[in-house]
N, C-alpha and C. Protein backbone atom coordinates (compact mmCIF):
# COMPACT_ATOMS: atom_id res chain seq x y z
N UNK A 1 0.81 -1.20 0.00
CA UNK A 1 0.00 0.00 0.00
C UNK A 1 0.85 1.26 0.00
N UNK A 2 2.07 1.11 0.41
CA UNK A 2 2.92 2.29 0.53
C UNK A 2 3.16 2.97 -0.81
N UNK A 3 3.12 2.21 -1.90
CA UNK A 3 3.31 2.85 -3.21
C UNK A 3 2.19 3.84 -3.52
N UNK A 4 0.99 3.58 -3.03
CA UNK A 4 -0.12 4.51 -3.20
C UNK A 4 -0.02 5.67 -2.21
N UNK A 5 0.34 5.36 -0.99
CA UNK A 5 0.32 6.35 0.09
C UNK A 5 1.48 7.33 0.04
N UNK A 6 2.54 7.01 -0.71
CA UNK A 6 3.69 7.90 -0.74
C UNK A 6 3.35 9.26 -1.35
N UNK A 7 2.31 9.31 -2.19
CA UNK A 7 1.87 10.58 -2.77
C UNK A 7 1.34 11.52 -1.69
N UNK A 8 0.95 10.98 -0.56
CA UNK A 8 0.44 11.78 0.55
C UNK A 8 1.43 11.81 1.72
N UNK A 9 2.64 11.39 1.43
CA UNK A 9 3.70 11.34 2.45
C UNK A 9 3.30 10.49 3.66
N UNK A 10 2.65 9.38 3.38
CA UNK A 10 2.24 8.44 4.42
C UNK A 10 2.90 7.09 4.15
N UNK A 11 3.05 6.32 5.21
CA UNK A 11 3.65 5.00 5.08
C UNK A 11 3.06 4.06 6.13
N UNK A 12 2.68 2.88 5.69
CA UNK A 12 2.20 1.84 6.60
C UNK A 12 3.42 1.08 7.10
N UNK A 13 3.61 1.11 8.41
CA UNK A 13 4.72 0.38 9.00
C UNK A 13 4.23 -0.90 9.66
N UNK A 14 3.06 -0.84 10.26
CA UNK A 14 2.45 -2.00 10.90
C UNK A 14 0.98 -2.02 10.49
N UNK A 15 0.63 -2.97 9.66
CA UNK A 15 -0.72 -3.02 9.08
C UNK A 15 -1.81 -3.07 10.13
N UNK A 16 -1.56 -3.73 11.25
CA UNK A 16 -2.60 -3.86 12.27
C UNK A 16 -2.73 -2.63 13.15
N UNK A 17 -1.67 -1.88 13.34
CA UNK A 17 -1.71 -0.71 14.21
C UNK A 17 -1.99 0.58 13.44
N UNK A 18 -1.50 0.68 12.24
CA UNK A 18 -1.60 1.93 11.48
C UNK A 18 -3.01 2.23 10.98
N UNK A 19 -3.88 1.24 11.02
CA UNK A 19 -5.24 1.45 10.54
C UNK A 19 -6.24 1.65 11.68
N UNK A 20 -5.79 1.63 12.92
CA UNK A 20 -6.73 1.59 14.02
C UNK A 20 -7.53 2.86 14.25
N UNK A 21 -7.12 3.98 13.67
CA UNK A 21 -7.94 5.19 13.80
C UNK A 21 -8.70 5.50 12.52
N UNK A 22 -8.47 4.70 11.49
CA UNK A 22 -9.19 4.86 10.24
C UNK A 22 -8.57 5.86 9.27
N UNK A 23 -7.63 6.68 9.72
CA UNK A 23 -7.06 7.70 8.85
C UNK A 23 -6.26 7.11 7.70
N UNK A 24 -5.44 6.11 8.00
CA UNK A 24 -4.64 5.48 6.96
C UNK A 24 -5.55 4.77 5.96
N UNK A 25 -6.60 4.15 6.45
CA UNK A 25 -7.53 3.45 5.58
C UNK A 25 -8.29 4.43 4.68
N UNK A 26 -8.71 5.55 5.24
CA UNK A 26 -9.39 6.58 4.44
C UNK A 26 -8.45 7.06 3.34
N UNK A 27 -7.22 7.37 3.70
CA UNK A 27 -6.25 7.84 2.70
C UNK A 27 -5.97 6.79 1.65
N UNK A 28 -5.83 5.54 2.07
CA UNK A 28 -5.59 4.45 1.14
C UNK A 28 -6.75 4.30 0.16
N UNK A 29 -7.96 4.30 0.70
CA UNK A 29 -9.14 4.14 -0.17
C UNK A 29 -9.24 5.28 -1.17
N UNK A 30 -8.94 6.49 -0.75
CA UNK A 30 -8.99 7.63 -1.67
C UNK A 30 -7.92 7.49 -2.75
N UNK A 31 -6.73 7.01 -2.36
CA UNK A 31 -5.64 6.85 -3.32
C UNK A 31 -5.92 5.74 -4.34
N UNK A 32 -6.37 4.60 -3.87
CA UNK A 32 -6.54 3.47 -4.80
C UNK A 32 -7.82 3.58 -5.63
N UNK A 33 -8.83 4.25 -5.09
CA UNK A 33 -10.09 4.34 -5.83
C UNK A 33 -10.19 5.60 -6.66
N UNK A 34 -9.43 6.63 -6.27
CA UNK A 34 -9.52 7.91 -6.97
C UNK A 34 -10.77 8.68 -6.60
N UNK A 35 -11.44 8.24 -5.54
CA UNK A 35 -12.67 8.90 -5.10
C UNK A 35 -12.49 9.46 -3.70
N UNK A 36 -13.23 10.51 -3.41
CA UNK A 36 -13.21 11.15 -2.10
C UNK A 36 -14.14 10.38 -1.16
N UNK A 37 -13.67 10.09 0.04
CA UNK A 37 -14.46 9.31 0.99
C UNK A 37 -15.50 10.15 1.73
N UNK A 38 -15.48 11.44 1.55
CA UNK A 38 -16.45 12.28 2.24
C UNK A 38 -15.90 12.78 3.56
N UNK A 39 -16.80 13.18 4.43
CA UNK A 39 -16.38 13.71 5.73
C UNK A 39 -15.93 12.60 6.65
N UNK A 40 -14.83 12.87 7.35
CA UNK A 40 -14.33 11.94 8.34
C UNK A 40 -13.60 12.73 9.41
N UNK A 41 -13.32 12.08 10.51
CA UNK A 41 -12.63 12.73 11.63
C UNK A 41 -11.13 12.78 11.35
N UNK A 42 -10.61 13.96 11.13
CA UNK A 42 -9.20 14.11 10.78
C UNK A 42 -8.27 13.94 11.98
N UNK A 43 -8.78 14.14 13.17
CA UNK A 43 -7.98 13.94 14.39
C UNK A 43 -8.80 13.13 15.40
N UNK A 44 -9.04 11.86 15.09
CA UNK A 44 -9.87 11.05 15.99
C UNK A 44 -9.16 10.77 17.32
N UNK A 45 -9.84 11.10 18.39
CA UNK A 45 -9.28 10.85 19.72
C UNK A 45 -10.09 9.80 20.47
N UNK A 46 -11.35 9.78 20.19
CA UNK A 46 -12.24 8.87 20.91
C UNK A 46 -12.51 7.62 20.08
N UNK A 47 -12.75 6.50 20.74
CA UNK A 47 -13.04 5.27 20.00
C UNK A 47 -14.18 5.41 19.01
N UNK A 48 -15.19 6.18 19.36
CA UNK A 48 -16.33 6.34 18.45
C UNK A 48 -15.92 7.05 17.16
N UNK A 49 -14.98 7.97 17.24
CA UNK A 49 -14.50 8.67 16.05
C UNK A 49 -13.66 7.73 15.17
N UNK A 50 -12.88 6.89 15.80
CA UNK A 50 -12.08 5.92 15.06
C UNK A 50 -12.99 4.92 14.35
N UNK A 51 -13.99 4.44 15.07
CA UNK A 51 -14.95 3.50 14.47
C UNK A 51 -15.67 4.14 13.29
N UNK A 52 -16.03 5.39 13.44
CA UNK A 52 -16.73 6.09 12.36
C UNK A 52 -15.86 6.19 11.11
N UNK A 53 -14.58 6.52 11.28
CA UNK A 53 -13.67 6.60 10.14
C UNK A 53 -13.56 5.27 9.41
N UNK A 54 -13.37 4.21 10.16
CA UNK A 54 -13.24 2.88 9.55
C UNK A 54 -14.55 2.49 8.88
N UNK A 55 -15.68 2.79 9.52
CA UNK A 55 -16.97 2.43 8.96
C UNK A 55 -17.23 3.13 7.63
N UNK A 56 -16.76 4.35 7.48
CA UNK A 56 -16.89 5.07 6.21
C UNK A 56 -16.23 4.26 5.10
N UNK A 57 -15.05 3.73 5.37
CA UNK A 57 -14.33 2.94 4.37
C UNK A 57 -15.01 1.60 4.10
N UNK A 58 -15.44 0.93 5.15
CA UNK A 58 -16.12 -0.36 4.97
C UNK A 58 -17.42 -0.20 4.18
N UNK A 59 -18.14 0.87 4.46
CA UNK A 59 -19.38 1.13 3.70
C UNK A 59 -19.06 1.38 2.23
N UNK A 60 -17.99 2.10 1.96
CA UNK A 60 -17.59 2.36 0.58
C UNK A 60 -17.23 1.05 -0.13
N UNK A 61 -16.45 0.21 0.56
CA UNK A 61 -16.04 -1.07 -0.02
C UNK A 61 -17.28 -1.92 -0.36
N UNK A 62 -18.22 -1.97 0.56
CA UNK A 62 -19.45 -2.74 0.32
C UNK A 62 -20.28 -2.13 -0.80
N UNK A 63 -20.31 -0.80 -0.86
CA UNK A 63 -21.05 -0.10 -1.92
C UNK A 63 -20.50 -0.45 -3.30
N UNK A 64 -19.22 -0.74 -3.35
CA UNK A 64 -18.59 -1.12 -4.61
C UNK A 64 -18.81 -2.59 -4.96
N UNK A 65 -19.56 -3.28 -4.10
CA UNK A 65 -19.91 -4.67 -4.39
C UNK A 65 -18.92 -5.70 -3.89
N UNK A 66 -17.98 -5.29 -3.07
CA UNK A 66 -17.00 -6.23 -2.54
C UNK A 66 -17.53 -6.84 -1.25
N UNK A 67 -17.28 -8.10 -1.05
CA UNK A 67 -17.81 -8.81 0.11
C UNK A 67 -16.81 -8.79 1.26
N UNK A 68 -17.28 -8.33 2.40
CA UNK A 68 -16.49 -8.34 3.63
C UNK A 68 -17.29 -9.03 4.72
N UNK A 69 -17.53 -10.30 4.54
CA UNK A 69 -18.34 -11.06 5.46
C UNK A 69 -17.67 -11.19 6.82
N UNK A 70 -18.38 -10.76 7.85
CA UNK A 70 -17.89 -10.91 9.20
C UNK A 70 -16.82 -9.92 9.62
N UNK A 71 -16.62 -8.86 8.85
CA UNK A 71 -15.61 -7.86 9.18
C UNK A 71 -16.31 -6.56 9.51
N UNK A 72 -16.08 -6.07 10.72
CA UNK A 72 -16.68 -4.82 11.16
C UNK A 72 -15.62 -3.80 11.53
N UNK A 73 -16.05 -2.58 11.71
CA UNK A 73 -15.13 -1.49 12.07
C UNK A 73 -14.39 -1.82 13.36
N UNK A 74 -15.06 -2.47 14.31
CA UNK A 74 -14.42 -2.81 15.59
C UNK A 74 -13.22 -3.71 15.38
N UNK A 75 -13.30 -4.60 14.40
CA UNK A 75 -12.20 -5.52 14.13
C UNK A 75 -10.95 -4.77 13.68
N UNK A 76 -11.14 -3.78 12.84
CA UNK A 76 -10.01 -2.98 12.34
C UNK A 76 -9.45 -2.13 13.48
N UNK A 77 -10.32 -1.43 14.19
CA UNK A 77 -9.89 -0.55 15.29
C UNK A 77 -9.18 -1.35 16.38
N UNK A 78 -9.65 -2.55 16.66
CA UNK A 78 -9.05 -3.38 17.71
C UNK A 78 -7.82 -4.15 17.24
N UNK A 79 -7.47 -4.03 15.96
CA UNK A 79 -6.25 -4.65 15.44
C UNK A 79 -6.34 -6.14 15.21
N UNK A 80 -7.52 -6.64 14.84
CA UNK A 80 -7.69 -8.06 14.55
C UNK A 80 -6.91 -8.39 13.27
N UNK A 81 -5.74 -8.97 13.45
CA UNK A 81 -4.82 -9.20 12.34
C UNK A 81 -5.44 -10.03 11.21
N UNK A 82 -6.12 -11.08 11.57
CA UNK A 82 -6.70 -11.98 10.56
C UNK A 82 -7.72 -11.24 9.69
N UNK A 83 -8.58 -10.43 10.31
CA UNK A 83 -9.61 -9.73 9.55
C UNK A 83 -9.05 -8.52 8.79
N UNK A 84 -8.01 -7.91 9.33
CA UNK A 84 -7.35 -6.82 8.62
C UNK A 84 -6.68 -7.38 7.36
N UNK A 85 -6.05 -8.52 7.48
CA UNK A 85 -5.44 -9.16 6.31
C UNK A 85 -6.50 -9.58 5.30
N UNK A 86 -7.63 -10.06 5.77
CA UNK A 86 -8.73 -10.43 4.86
C UNK A 86 -9.23 -9.20 4.10
N UNK A 87 -9.36 -8.09 4.80
CA UNK A 87 -9.79 -6.85 4.15
C UNK A 87 -8.76 -6.41 3.12
N UNK A 88 -7.50 -6.49 3.48
CA UNK A 88 -6.43 -6.13 2.56
C UNK A 88 -6.45 -7.01 1.32
N UNK A 89 -6.70 -8.28 1.50
CA UNK A 89 -6.75 -9.21 0.38
C UNK A 89 -7.89 -8.86 -0.58
N UNK A 90 -9.04 -8.53 -0.04
CA UNK A 90 -10.18 -8.12 -0.88
C UNK A 90 -9.80 -6.88 -1.70
N UNK A 91 -9.13 -5.93 -1.06
CA UNK A 91 -8.72 -4.71 -1.77
C UNK A 91 -7.66 -5.00 -2.83
N UNK A 92 -6.74 -5.91 -2.52
CA UNK A 92 -5.72 -6.29 -3.50
C UNK A 92 -6.38 -6.92 -4.71
N UNK A 93 -7.31 -7.83 -4.47
CA UNK A 93 -8.00 -8.46 -5.60
C UNK A 93 -8.73 -7.44 -6.46
N UNK A 94 -9.36 -6.50 -5.81
CA UNK A 94 -10.16 -5.50 -6.55
C UNK A 94 -9.31 -4.48 -7.28
N UNK A 95 -8.30 -3.96 -6.60
CA UNK A 95 -7.59 -2.81 -7.16
C UNK A 95 -6.22 -3.14 -7.77
N UNK A 96 -5.62 -4.25 -7.42
CA UNK A 96 -4.32 -4.60 -7.98
C UNK A 96 -4.43 -5.68 -9.05
N UNK A 97 -5.04 -6.80 -8.69
CA UNK A 97 -5.13 -7.91 -9.63
C UNK A 97 -5.97 -7.52 -10.84
N UNK A 98 -6.96 -6.68 -10.63
CA UNK A 98 -7.83 -6.26 -11.72
C UNK A 98 -7.04 -5.57 -12.83
N UNK A 99 -5.99 -4.89 -12.48
CA UNK A 99 -5.17 -4.20 -13.49
C UNK A 99 -4.58 -5.17 -14.49
N UNK A 100 -4.26 -6.37 -14.03
CA UNK A 100 -3.51 -7.32 -14.85
C UNK A 100 -4.32 -8.51 -15.33
N UNK A 101 -5.60 -8.56 -14.99
CA UNK A 101 -6.41 -9.71 -15.34
C UNK A 101 -7.54 -9.31 -16.29
N UNK A 102 -7.74 -10.09 -17.30
CA UNK A 102 -8.83 -9.85 -18.24
C UNK A 102 -10.16 -10.33 -17.69
N UNK A 103 -10.12 -11.35 -16.82
CA UNK A 103 -11.34 -11.94 -16.30
C UNK A 103 -11.46 -11.67 -14.80
N UNK A 104 -11.66 -10.41 -14.43
CA UNK A 104 -11.71 -10.04 -13.01
C UNK A 104 -12.96 -10.57 -12.33
N UNK A 105 -14.03 -10.74 -13.06
CA UNK A 105 -15.26 -11.26 -12.47
C UNK A 105 -15.02 -12.63 -11.83
N UNK A 106 -14.23 -13.43 -12.47
CA UNK A 106 -13.91 -14.76 -11.95
C UNK A 106 -13.05 -14.66 -10.70
N UNK A 107 -12.13 -13.72 -10.66
CA UNK A 107 -11.24 -13.56 -9.50
C UNK A 107 -11.99 -13.10 -8.27
N UNK A 108 -13.00 -12.27 -8.45
CA UNK A 108 -13.68 -11.65 -7.32
C UNK A 108 -14.80 -12.51 -6.74
N UNK A 109 -15.06 -13.68 -7.30
CA UNK A 109 -16.10 -14.55 -6.79
C UNK A 109 -15.69 -15.16 -5.49
């Protein structure tokens, strides 16, 4: 993800910790999708603000038709490594593999 985030002078050092306030995820989603995520908490201090930031991204991902079964904002904020990796994999399939595959519909099933 760092190749996308370097345009914003951001870097993911620890995938499970760097996404816990939602800011890195919001920036990543804006970079890879080319779309604005809308309003979000730029300086989240409270757990509810962090959850809201992550939820904005999860809602966007679902709106794009990607399946995130059993993954909630709490999982990302709490650093659930397995579910964070699952979310990352869904994004890789959608935004990276799609660039190089002619039959993306088959990959995303």
